[in-house]
N, C-alpha and C. Protein backbone atom coordinates (compact mmCIF):
# COMPACT_ATOMS: atom_id res chain seq x y z
N MET A 1 17.94 -9.33 17.17
CA MET A 1 16.98 -9.86 16.23
C MET A 1 15.63 -9.16 16.36
N GLN A 2 15.29 -8.85 17.61
CA GLN A 2 14.00 -8.18 17.83
C GLN A 2 14.00 -6.77 17.23
N MET A 3 15.18 -6.14 17.22
CA MET A 3 15.29 -4.80 16.63
C MET A 3 14.98 -4.84 15.13
N ILE A 4 15.45 -5.87 14.45
CA ILE A 4 15.16 -6.02 13.02
C ILE A 4 13.66 -6.20 12.81
N GLY A 5 13.03 -6.99 13.66
CA GLY A 5 11.59 -7.19 13.57
C GLY A 5 10.82 -5.90 13.79
N GLN A 6 11.28 -5.10 14.74
CA GLN A 6 10.61 -3.82 14.99
C GLN A 6 10.75 -2.88 13.81
N LEU A 7 11.95 -2.85 13.21
CA LEU A 7 12.16 -1.99 12.04
C LEU A 7 11.30 -2.44 10.86
N LEU A 8 11.26 -3.75 10.61
CA LEU A 8 10.42 -4.27 9.54
C LEU A 8 8.95 -3.97 9.79
N SER A 9 8.53 -4.18 11.01
CA SER A 9 7.13 -3.93 11.36
C SER A 9 6.77 -2.45 11.18
N MET A 10 7.66 -1.57 11.61
CA MET A 10 7.41 -0.14 11.47
C MET A 10 7.39 0.25 9.99
N GLY A 11 8.30 -0.32 9.19
CA GLY A 11 8.31 -0.03 7.75
C GLY A 11 7.04 -0.48 7.07
N ILE A 12 6.57 -1.68 7.43
CA ILE A 12 5.32 -2.18 6.83
C ILE A 12 4.15 -1.29 7.24
N ASN A 13 4.12 -0.87 8.49
CA ASN A 13 3.03 0.00 8.95
C ASN A 13 3.05 1.35 8.23
N LEU A 14 4.24 1.92 8.05
CA LEU A 14 4.34 3.20 7.34
C LEU A 14 3.92 3.06 5.88
N TYR A 15 4.31 1.95 5.26
CA TYR A 15 3.93 1.72 3.87
C TYR A 15 2.42 1.49 3.75
N THR A 16 1.83 0.83 4.73
CA THR A 16 0.38 0.64 4.75
C THR A 16 -0.34 1.99 4.80
N VAL A 17 0.16 2.89 5.63
CA VAL A 17 -0.43 4.22 5.72
C VAL A 17 -0.27 4.96 4.39
N ALA A 18 0.89 4.82 3.76
CA ALA A 18 1.13 5.48 2.47
C ALA A 18 0.16 4.97 1.41
N VAL A 19 -0.05 3.66 1.36
CA VAL A 19 -1.00 3.09 0.38
C VAL A 19 -2.40 3.59 0.67
N PHE A 20 -2.78 3.62 1.95
CA PHE A 20 -4.11 4.07 2.33
C PHE A 20 -4.32 5.54 1.94
N ILE A 21 -3.34 6.38 2.20
CA ILE A 21 -3.45 7.80 1.83
C ILE A 21 -3.53 7.94 0.31
N TYR A 22 -2.76 7.14 -0.41
CA TYR A 22 -2.79 7.20 -1.87
C TYR A 22 -4.17 6.81 -2.41
N VAL A 23 -4.76 5.80 -1.82
CA VAL A 23 -6.10 5.38 -2.25
C VAL A 23 -7.11 6.48 -1.95
N LEU A 24 -7.04 7.06 -0.77
CA LEU A 24 -7.97 8.13 -0.42
C LEU A 24 -7.75 9.39 -1.26
N SER A 25 -6.52 9.59 -1.74
CA SER A 25 -6.25 10.79 -2.53
C SER A 25 -6.99 10.77 -3.87
N SER A 26 -7.45 9.61 -4.29
CA SER A 26 -8.21 9.57 -5.55
C SER A 26 -9.59 10.23 -5.39
N TRP A 27 -10.03 10.41 -4.16
CA TRP A 27 -11.33 11.04 -3.92
C TRP A 27 -11.24 12.56 -3.86
N ILE A 28 -10.03 13.08 -3.73
CA ILE A 28 -9.84 14.54 -3.61
C ILE A 28 -9.34 15.05 -4.96
N PRO A 29 -10.09 15.96 -5.57
CA PRO A 29 -9.71 16.45 -6.91
C PRO A 29 -8.31 17.06 -6.92
N ASN A 30 -7.55 16.71 -7.93
CA ASN A 30 -6.23 17.26 -8.22
C ASN A 30 -5.15 16.94 -7.18
N LEU A 31 -5.43 16.10 -6.20
CA LEU A 31 -4.41 15.79 -5.21
C LEU A 31 -3.32 14.90 -5.80
N ARG A 32 -3.71 13.97 -6.66
CA ARG A 32 -2.70 13.09 -7.26
C ARG A 32 -1.82 13.83 -8.26
N GLU A 33 -2.28 14.97 -8.77
CA GLU A 33 -1.48 15.75 -9.70
C GLU A 33 -0.53 16.70 -8.99
N SER A 34 -0.71 16.89 -7.68
CA SER A 34 0.17 17.77 -6.92
C SER A 34 1.53 17.09 -6.71
N ASN A 35 2.49 17.87 -6.23
CA ASN A 35 3.82 17.31 -5.97
C ASN A 35 3.75 16.17 -4.96
N PHE A 36 2.95 16.35 -3.92
CA PHE A 36 2.79 15.32 -2.91
C PHE A 36 2.19 14.06 -3.51
N GLY A 37 1.17 14.22 -4.31
CA GLY A 37 0.51 13.07 -4.93
C GLY A 37 1.42 12.34 -5.90
N GLN A 38 2.22 13.07 -6.64
CA GLN A 38 3.15 12.44 -7.57
C GLN A 38 4.26 11.69 -6.83
N MET A 39 4.76 12.28 -5.73
CA MET A 39 5.78 11.62 -4.93
C MET A 39 5.23 10.34 -4.31
N LEU A 40 4.02 10.44 -3.76
CA LEU A 40 3.39 9.28 -3.15
C LEU A 40 3.10 8.21 -4.20
N GLY A 41 2.68 8.62 -5.37
CA GLY A 41 2.44 7.68 -6.46
C GLY A 41 3.70 6.95 -6.90
N SER A 42 4.82 7.66 -6.90
CA SER A 42 6.08 7.00 -7.30
C SER A 42 6.53 5.98 -6.26
N ILE A 43 6.07 6.12 -5.04
CA ILE A 43 6.40 5.16 -3.98
C ILE A 43 5.43 3.99 -3.98
N VAL A 44 4.16 4.26 -4.20
CA VAL A 44 3.11 3.25 -4.02
C VAL A 44 2.79 2.48 -5.30
N GLU A 45 2.82 3.15 -6.44
CA GLU A 45 2.41 2.50 -7.70
C GLU A 45 3.21 1.24 -8.04
N PRO A 46 4.54 1.21 -7.83
CA PRO A 46 5.25 -0.04 -8.15
C PRO A 46 4.75 -1.24 -7.33
N TYR A 47 4.27 -0.99 -6.12
CA TYR A 47 3.72 -2.07 -5.30
C TYR A 47 2.33 -2.48 -5.78
N LEU A 48 1.51 -1.51 -6.18
CA LEU A 48 0.14 -1.80 -6.59
C LEU A 48 0.06 -2.43 -7.99
N GLU A 49 1.04 -2.17 -8.83
CA GLU A 49 1.00 -2.63 -10.21
C GLU A 49 0.83 -4.15 -10.36
N PRO A 50 1.58 -4.99 -9.62
CA PRO A 50 1.35 -6.44 -9.77
C PRO A 50 -0.05 -6.88 -9.37
N PHE A 51 -0.63 -6.21 -8.39
CA PHE A 51 -1.99 -6.56 -7.97
C PHE A 51 -3.00 -6.18 -9.06
N ARG A 52 -2.74 -5.09 -9.76
CA ARG A 52 -3.64 -4.67 -10.83
C ARG A 52 -3.60 -5.60 -12.03
N LYS A 53 -2.48 -6.31 -12.20
CA LYS A 53 -2.39 -7.28 -13.29
C LYS A 53 -3.29 -8.47 -13.03
N PHE A 54 -3.42 -8.86 -11.77
CA PHE A 54 -4.23 -10.03 -11.41
C PHE A 54 -5.69 -9.68 -11.15
N ILE A 55 -5.93 -8.45 -10.70
CA ILE A 55 -7.29 -8.04 -10.35
C ILE A 55 -7.63 -6.80 -11.18
N PRO A 56 -8.23 -6.99 -12.33
CA PRO A 56 -8.56 -5.82 -13.16
C PRO A 56 -9.70 -5.02 -12.54
N PRO A 57 -9.77 -3.73 -12.85
CA PRO A 57 -10.88 -2.91 -12.33
C PRO A 57 -12.22 -3.44 -12.80
N LEU A 58 -13.18 -3.46 -11.91
CA LEU A 58 -14.52 -3.93 -12.24
C LEU A 58 -15.36 -2.76 -12.73
N GLY A 59 -15.98 -2.92 -13.85
CA GLY A 59 -16.83 -1.87 -14.39
C GLY A 59 -16.08 -0.64 -14.83
N GLY A 60 -14.76 -0.71 -14.93
CA GLY A 60 -13.98 0.43 -15.36
C GLY A 60 -13.71 1.45 -14.27
N MET A 61 -14.45 1.40 -13.15
CA MET A 61 -14.31 2.40 -12.11
C MET A 61 -13.83 1.82 -10.78
N MET A 62 -14.29 0.64 -10.44
CA MET A 62 -14.00 0.06 -9.13
C MET A 62 -12.70 -0.74 -9.18
N ASP A 63 -11.69 -0.27 -8.49
CA ASP A 63 -10.41 -0.94 -8.45
C ASP A 63 -10.22 -1.55 -7.06
N PHE A 64 -10.30 -2.87 -6.99
CA PHE A 64 -10.17 -3.57 -5.71
C PHE A 64 -8.74 -4.01 -5.41
N SER A 65 -7.82 -3.75 -6.31
CA SER A 65 -6.44 -4.18 -6.09
C SER A 65 -5.79 -3.53 -4.86
N PRO A 66 -6.08 -2.25 -4.53
CA PRO A 66 -5.48 -1.71 -3.31
C PRO A 66 -5.97 -2.42 -2.04
N ILE A 67 -7.19 -2.90 -2.05
CA ILE A 67 -7.69 -3.63 -0.89
C ILE A 67 -6.90 -4.92 -0.71
N VAL A 68 -6.67 -5.63 -1.81
CA VAL A 68 -5.89 -6.87 -1.75
C VAL A 68 -4.44 -6.55 -1.35
N ALA A 69 -3.90 -5.44 -1.86
CA ALA A 69 -2.54 -5.03 -1.51
C ALA A 69 -2.43 -4.71 -0.01
N LEU A 70 -3.44 -4.06 0.54
CA LEU A 70 -3.43 -3.76 1.97
C LEU A 70 -3.55 -5.04 2.80
N ILE A 71 -4.34 -5.98 2.34
CA ILE A 71 -4.45 -7.27 3.04
C ILE A 71 -3.10 -7.99 3.00
N ALA A 72 -2.41 -7.92 1.85
CA ALA A 72 -1.09 -8.55 1.75
C ALA A 72 -0.09 -7.91 2.71
N LEU A 73 -0.17 -6.59 2.87
CA LEU A 73 0.71 -5.92 3.83
C LEU A 73 0.39 -6.34 5.26
N ARG A 74 -0.87 -6.50 5.57
CA ARG A 74 -1.25 -6.96 6.92
C ARG A 74 -0.75 -8.39 7.16
N LEU A 75 -0.84 -9.23 6.15
CA LEU A 75 -0.32 -10.59 6.27
C LEU A 75 1.20 -10.58 6.46
N ALA A 76 1.87 -9.68 5.75
CA ALA A 76 3.32 -9.56 5.92
C ALA A 76 3.67 -9.09 7.33
N ALA A 77 2.89 -8.16 7.85
CA ALA A 77 3.12 -7.69 9.23
C ALA A 77 2.90 -8.82 10.23
N SER A 78 1.89 -9.65 9.98
CA SER A 78 1.66 -10.80 10.86
C SER A 78 2.80 -11.79 10.76
N GLY A 79 3.31 -11.99 9.57
CA GLY A 79 4.46 -12.87 9.38
C GLY A 79 5.69 -12.39 10.10
N VAL A 80 5.94 -11.08 10.02
CA VAL A 80 7.08 -10.51 10.73
C VAL A 80 6.91 -10.69 12.23
N GLY A 81 5.68 -10.48 12.70
CA GLY A 81 5.40 -10.66 14.12
C GLY A 81 5.62 -12.10 14.56
N ALA A 82 5.22 -13.04 13.73
CA ALA A 82 5.38 -14.46 14.07
C ALA A 82 6.85 -14.87 14.06
N ILE A 83 7.63 -14.30 13.17
CA ILE A 83 9.03 -14.68 13.06
C ILE A 83 9.89 -14.03 14.14
N PHE A 84 9.70 -12.75 14.38
CA PHE A 84 10.60 -12.01 15.24
C PHE A 84 10.12 -11.81 16.68
N PHE A 85 8.83 -12.04 16.94
CA PHE A 85 8.35 -11.77 18.31
C PHE A 85 7.77 -12.98 18.92
């Protein structure tokens, strides 16, 4: 059972890093248009999309949905820790 918890925890941590890199890639010109950026976007965007429906961008530029998505991932990691460890 603990092995399942470790795998889930590691998966959540890797996905958190992927979301964080995707968010930071918006600051680097043309990174999201590269092959790496498109691949990362295809992995991360389906997760971010529901958060964007509930939290629209403020002022057209500031998108706080990735912050809420990262908080949700941290809560999920805490939940996995509470259940399996």
